[in-house]
Amino acid sequence: MKTKVLSHSDVEKIIKRMAYQIYENNFGDKHITLAGISSRGFEIAKLLQTELDSISNLKSVLLEITIEKENPSNETTIIKPLKFELKGPVVIVDDVLNTGRAMVYAALPFLNLKASKIQVAVLVDRNHKKFPIAADYTGIKLNTTFQEHVSVETNKKKQFEVYLQ
């Protein structure tokens, strides 16, 4: 059985709130890098970038991180575009934070690039951490069982909804 947890209008409100939080926590900076984990994390990062651009004077850079989520490694983590200048804090964005494994591998390249600050933004935090990752910006926290699955889905209009099954 599939239960809707967040509607598209709920997601829009959450994105707006998260953008304000990101701006407040990085107010003194001139630049910010939003790095979305492919594919839905990248789409959420784009929404955050649009909101940040409308409410702040931060110059934002958008990157896409591709990770083999089932078997992540340094060799399979790719950041696009391949050439970019890292300025300001980095906010790594994903749709669902589950064990934290993908987030660790997403953060590694930015550690190697000596990012001034790395933050994490997720739409849904499931609280099943196996790695020491905590979200700085969370849309919603769901205490789920290991048997339950959280899915963030988009329709043809690029509208997001969150389901629990």
C-alpha atoms as a PDB file:
ATOM      1  CA  MET A   1       0.000   0.000   0.000  1.00  0.00           C
ATOM      2  CA  LYS A   2       1.274   3.441  -0.966  1.00  0.00           C
ATOM      3  CA  THR A   3       0.546   6.422   1.300  1.00  0.00           C
ATOM      4  CA  LYS A   4       1.156  10.002   0.205  1.00  0.00           C
ATOM      5  CA  VAL A   5       3.262  11.794   2.822  1.00  0.00           C
ATOM      6  CA  LEU A   6       3.873  15.101   1.013  1.00  0.00           C
ATOM      7  CA  SER A   7       1.979  16.708  -1.849  1.00  0.00           C
ATOM      8  CA  HIS A   8       3.641  18.944  -4.413  1.00  0.00           C
ATOM      9  CA  SER A   9       2.453  22.075  -2.587  1.00  0.00           C
ATOM     10  CA  ASP A  10       3.966  20.682   0.634  1.00  0.00           C
ATOM     11  CA  VAL A  11       7.262  20.109  -1.176  1.00  0.00           C
ATOM     12  CA  GLU A  12       7.208  23.666  -2.571  1.00  0.00           C
ATOM     13  CA  LYS A  13       6.756  25.103   0.938  1.00  0.00           C
ATOM     14  CA  ILE A  14       9.559  22.905   2.271  1.00  0.00           C
ATOM     15  CA  ILE A  15      11.927  23.968  -0.524  1.00  0.00           C
ATOM     16  CA  LYS A  16      11.196  27.627   0.200  1.00  0.00           C
ATOM     17  CA  ARG A  17      11.829  27.126   3.937  1.00  0.00           C
ATOM     18  CA  MET A  18      15.050  25.214   3.291  1.00  0.00           C
ATOM     19  CA  ALA A  19      16.268  27.954   0.921  1.00  0.00           C
ATOM     20  CA  TYR A  20      15.730  30.564   3.637  1.00  0.00           C
ATOM     21  CA  GLN A  21      17.588  28.387   6.148  1.00  0.00           C
ATOM     22  CA  ILE A  22      20.497  27.914   3.747  1.00  0.00           C
ATOM     23  CA  TYR A  23      20.627  31.658   3.130  1.00  0.00           C
ATOM     24  CA  GLU A  24      20.483  32.470   6.868  1.00  0.00           C
ATOM     25  CA  ASN A  25      23.289  30.012   7.665  1.00  0.00           C
ATOM     26  CA  ASN A  26      25.476  31.318   4.844  1.00  0.00           C
ATOM     27  CA  PHE A  27      24.549  34.994   5.017  1.00  0.00           C
ATOM     28  CA  GLY A  28      28.128  36.268   5.123  1.00  0.00           C
ATOM     29  CA  ASP A  29      29.162  34.370   1.998  1.00  0.00           C
ATOM     30  CA  LYS A  30      29.011  35.694  -1.549  1.00  0.00           C
ATOM     31  CA  HIS A  31      28.977  32.310  -3.297  1.00  0.00           C
ATOM     32  CA  ILE A  32      27.396  28.937  -2.648  1.00  0.00           C
ATOM     33  CA  THR A  33      27.680  25.601  -4.433  1.00  0.00           C
ATOM     34  CA  LEU A  34      24.639  23.348  -4.607  1.00  0.00           C
ATOM     35  CA  ALA A  35      25.631  19.783  -5.481  1.00  0.00           C
ATOM     36  CA  GLY A  36      22.654  17.527  -6.134  1.00  0.00           C
ATOM     37  CA  ILE A  37      22.964  13.759  -6.135  1.00  0.00           C
ATOM     38  CA  SER A  38      21.615  12.425  -9.429  1.00  0.00           C
ATOM     39  CA  SER A  39      18.748  12.278 -10.263  1.00  0.00           C
ATOM     40  CA  ARG A  40      16.077  13.491  -7.825  1.00  0.00           C
ATOM     41  CA  GLY A  41      18.615  15.141  -5.527  1.00  0.00           C
ATOM     42  CA  PHE A  42      19.811  17.169  -8.511  1.00  0.00           C
ATOM     43  CA  GLU A  43      16.225  18.170  -9.341  1.00  0.00           C
ATOM     44  CA  ILE A  44      15.695  19.293  -5.734  1.00  0.00           C
ATOM     45  CA  ALA A  45      18.993  21.214  -5.884  1.00  0.00           C
ATOM     46  CA  LYS A  46      17.675  23.047  -8.964  1.00  0.00           C
ATOM     47  CA  LEU A  47      14.531  24.032  -7.041  1.00  0.00           C
ATOM     48  CA  LEU A  48      16.663  25.234  -4.124  1.00  0.00           C
ATOM     49  CA  GLN A  49      18.843  27.236  -6.506  1.00  0.00           C
ATOM     50  CA  THR A  50      15.772  28.942  -8.005  1.00  0.00           C
ATOM     51  CA  GLU A  51      14.516  29.874  -4.530  1.00  0.00           C
ATOM     52  CA  LEU A  52      17.948  31.057  -3.346  1.00  0.00           C
ATOM     53  CA  ASP A  53      18.342  33.185  -6.459  1.00  0.00           C
ATOM     54  CA  SER A  54      14.973  34.826  -5.779  1.00  0.00           C
ATOM     55  CA  ILE A  55      15.575  35.603  -2.078  1.00  0.00           C
ATOM     56  CA  SER A  56      19.309  36.317  -1.869  1.00  0.00           C
ATOM     57  CA  ASN A  57      22.288  37.854  -3.552  1.00  0.00           C
ATOM     58  CA  LEU A  58      24.328  34.638  -3.239  1.00  0.00           C
ATOM     59  CA  LYS A  59      25.927  33.633  -6.513  1.00  0.00           C
ATOM     60  CA  SER A  60      25.077  29.964  -6.818  1.00  0.00           C
ATOM     61  CA  VAL A  61      26.768  27.204  -8.791  1.00  0.00           C
ATOM     62  CA  LEU A  62      24.854  24.012  -9.513  1.00  0.00           C
ATOM     63  CA  LEU A  63      26.677  20.687  -9.781  1.00  0.00           C
ATOM     64  CA  GLU A  64      25.392  17.160 -10.371  1.00  0.00           C
ATOM     65  CA  ILE A  65      26.935  14.245  -8.485  1.00  0.00           C
ATOM     66  CA  THR A  66      26.545  10.804 -10.008  1.00  0.00           C
ATOM     67  CA  ILE A  67      27.032   7.939  -7.562  1.00  0.00           C
ATOM     68  CA  GLU A  68      26.464   4.249  -7.943  1.00  0.00           C
ATOM     69  CA  LYS A  69      24.121   4.171  -4.924  1.00  0.00           C
ATOM     70  CA  GLU A  70      24.101   0.402  -4.445  1.00  0.00           C
ATOM     71  CA  ASN A  71      27.891   0.111  -4.590  1.00  0.00           C
ATOM     72  CA  PRO A  72      29.451   3.575  -4.217  1.00  0.00           C
ATOM     73  CA  SER A  73      33.189   4.157  -4.491  1.00  0.00           C
ATOM     74  CA  ASN A  74      35.628   6.985  -5.163  1.00  0.00           C
ATOM     75  CA  GLU A  75      36.049   5.711  -8.709  1.00  0.00           C
ATOM     76  CA  THR A  76      32.326   5.776  -9.516  1.00  0.00           C
ATOM     77  CA  THR A  77      31.570   9.217  -8.039  1.00  0.00           C
ATOM     78  CA  ILE A  78      31.459  11.811 -10.833  1.00  0.00           C
ATOM     79  CA  ILE A  79      30.771  15.554 -10.551  1.00  0.00           C
ATOM     80  CA  LYS A  80      29.381  17.434 -13.556  1.00  0.00           C
ATOM     81  CA  PRO A  81      30.362  19.740 -15.035  1.00  0.00           C
ATOM     82  CA  LEU A  82      33.828  18.235 -14.832  1.00  0.00           C
ATOM     83  CA  LYS A  83      35.485  21.668 -14.577  1.00  0.00           C
ATOM     84  CA  PHE A  84      34.205  24.052 -11.947  1.00  0.00           C
ATOM     85  CA  GLU A  85      35.590  26.576  -9.516  1.00  0.00           C
ATOM     86  CA  LEU A  86      34.703  25.792  -5.918  1.00  0.00           C
ATOM     87  CA  LYS A  87      33.637  29.001  -4.174  1.00  0.00           C
ATOM     88  CA  GLY A  88      31.902  29.309  -0.839  1.00  0.00           C
ATOM     89  CA  PRO A  89      30.183  26.576   1.120  1.00  0.00           C
ATOM     90  CA  VAL A  90      28.963  23.384  -0.548  1.00  0.00           C
ATOM     91  CA  VAL A  91      25.439  22.101   0.095  1.00  0.00           C
ATOM     92  CA  ILE A  92      25.044  18.468  -0.964  1.00  0.00           C
ATOM     93  CA  VAL A  93      21.394  17.793  -1.807  1.00  0.00           C
ATOM     94  CA  ASP A  94      19.506  14.503  -2.017  1.00  0.00           C
ATOM     95  CA  ASP A  95      15.900  13.395  -1.924  1.00  0.00           C
ATOM     96  CA  VAL A  96      16.075  10.786   0.866  1.00  0.00           C
ATOM     97  CA  LEU A  97      18.762  10.317   3.516  1.00  0.00           C
ATOM     98  CA  ASN A  98      18.693   6.691   4.543  1.00  0.00           C
ATOM     99  CA  THR A  99      21.955   5.067   5.693  1.00  0.00           C
ATOM    100  CA  GLY A 100      24.245   7.969   4.757  1.00  0.00           C
ATOM    101  CA  ARG A 101      26.495   5.840   2.511  1.00  0.00           C
ATOM    102  CA  ALA A 102      25.794   7.807  -0.695  1.00  0.00           C
ATOM    103  CA  MET A 103      26.209  11.099   1.165  1.00  0.00           C
ATOM    104  CA  VAL A 104      29.665  10.078   2.427  1.00  0.00           C
ATOM    105  CA  TYR A 105      30.817   9.354  -1.122  1.00  0.00           C
ATOM    106  CA  ALA A 106      29.211  12.571  -2.378  1.00  0.00           C
ATOM    107  CA  ALA A 107      31.170  14.574   0.217  1.00  0.00           C
ATOM    108  CA  LEU A 108      34.589  12.973  -0.425  1.00  0.00           C
ATOM    109  CA  PRO A 109      35.487  14.955  -3.571  1.00  0.00           C
ATOM    110  CA  PHE A 110      34.682  18.222  -1.774  1.00  0.00           C
ATOM    111  CA  LEU A 111      36.874  17.212   1.157  1.00  0.00           C
ATOM    112  CA  ASN A 112      39.706  16.599  -1.297  1.00  0.00           C
ATOM    113  CA  LEU A 113      39.052  20.034  -2.857  1.00  0.00           C
ATOM    114  CA  LYS A 114      39.283  21.586   0.629  1.00  0.00           C
ATOM    115  CA  ALA A 115      35.775  23.079   0.646  1.00  0.00           C
ATOM    116  CA  SER A 116      35.386  25.822   3.247  1.00  0.00           C
ATOM    117  CA  LYS A 117      32.206  24.206   4.578  1.00  0.00           C
ATOM    118  CA  ILE A 118      30.096  21.185   3.579  1.00  0.00           C
ATOM    119  CA  GLN A 119      26.425  21.039   4.489  1.00  0.00           C
ATOM    120  CA  VAL A 120      23.697  18.500   3.738  1.00  0.00           C
ATOM    121  CA  ALA A 121      20.131  19.173   2.594  1.00  0.00           C
ATOM    122  CA  VAL A 122      17.548  16.407   2.168  1.00  0.00           C
ATOM    123  CA  LEU A 123      13.858  16.384   1.481  1.00  0.00           C
ATOM    124  CA  VAL A 124      13.273  13.304   3.689  1.00  0.00           C
ATOM    125  CA  ASP A 125      15.445  12.005   6.539  1.00  0.00           C
ATOM    126  CA  ARG A 126      14.598   8.380   7.413  1.00  0.00           C
ATOM    127  CA  ASN A 127      16.816   8.137  10.511  1.00  0.00           C
ATOM    128  CA  HIS A 128      18.470   4.819   9.595  1.00  0.00           C
ATOM    129  CA  LYS A 129      22.081   6.006   9.705  1.00  0.00           C
ATOM    130  CA  LYS A 130      24.981   3.626   9.391  1.00  0.00           C
ATOM    131  CA  PHE A 131      27.442   6.449   8.725  1.00  0.00           C
ATOM    132  CA  PRO A 132      28.055   9.656  10.693  1.00  0.00           C
ATOM    133  CA  ILE A 133      25.957  11.907   8.458  1.00  0.00           C
ATOM    134  CA  ALA A 134      23.433  14.417   9.734  1.00  0.00           C
ATOM    135  CA  ALA A 135      21.330  16.684   7.563  1.00  0.00           C
ATOM    136  CA  ASP A 136      21.755  20.412   8.178  1.00  0.00           C
ATOM    137  CA  TYR A 137      18.518  21.110   6.296  1.00  0.00           C
ATOM    138  CA  THR A 138      15.669  18.607   6.440  1.00  0.00           C
ATOM    139  CA  GLY A 139      12.274  18.837   4.808  1.00  0.00           C
ATOM    140  CA  ILE A 140      10.670  16.125   6.933  1.00  0.00           C
ATOM    141  CA  LYS A 141      11.905  13.400   9.287  1.00  0.00           C
ATOM    142  CA  LEU A 142      10.185  10.042   9.004  1.00  0.00           C
ATOM    143  CA  ASN A 143      10.730   7.299  11.541  1.00  0.00           C
ATOM    144  CA  THR A 144      10.189   4.225   9.406  1.00  0.00           C
ATOM    145  CA  THR A 145      10.834   0.539   9.699  1.00  0.00           C
ATOM    146  CA  PHE A 146      13.515  -1.106   7.573  1.00  0.00           C
ATOM    147  CA  GLN A 147      10.757  -2.826   5.582  1.00  0.00           C
ATOM    148  CA  GLU A 148       9.113   0.466   4.596  1.00  0.00           C
ATOM    149  CA  HIS A 149      10.238   2.370   1.538  1.00  0.00           C
ATOM    150  CA  VAL A 150      10.167   6.144   0.986  1.00  0.00           C
ATOM    151  CA  SER A 151       9.905   7.269  -2.612  1.00  0.00           C
ATOM    152  CA  VAL A 152      10.100  10.760  -4.043  1.00  0.00           C
ATOM    153  CA  GLU A 153       8.282  10.788  -7.340  1.00  0.00           C
ATOM    154  CA  THR A 154       7.903  13.363 -10.091  1.00  0.00           C
ATOM    155  CA  ASN A 155       5.277  13.618 -12.772  1.00  0.00           C
ATOM    156  CA  LYS A 156       5.564  15.010 -16.303  1.00  0.00           C
ATOM    157  CA  LYS A 157       5.093  18.549 -14.935  1.00  0.00           C
ATOM    158  CA  LYS A 158       8.179  18.086 -12.687  1.00  0.00           C
ATOM    159  CA  GLN A 159       5.974  18.122  -9.592  1.00  0.00           C
ATOM    160  CA  PHE A 160       7.323  16.228  -6.585  1.00  0.00           C
ATOM    161  CA  GLU A 161       5.346  14.016  -4.214  1.00  0.00           C
ATOM    162  CA  VAL A 162       6.609  11.814  -1.389  1.00  0.00           C
ATOM    163  CA  TYR A 163       5.166   8.367  -0.675  1.00  0.00           C
ATOM    164  CA  LEU A 164       5.619   5.744   2.028  1.00  0.00           C
ATOM    165  CA  GLN A 165       5.086   2.100   1.111  1.00  0.00           C
END
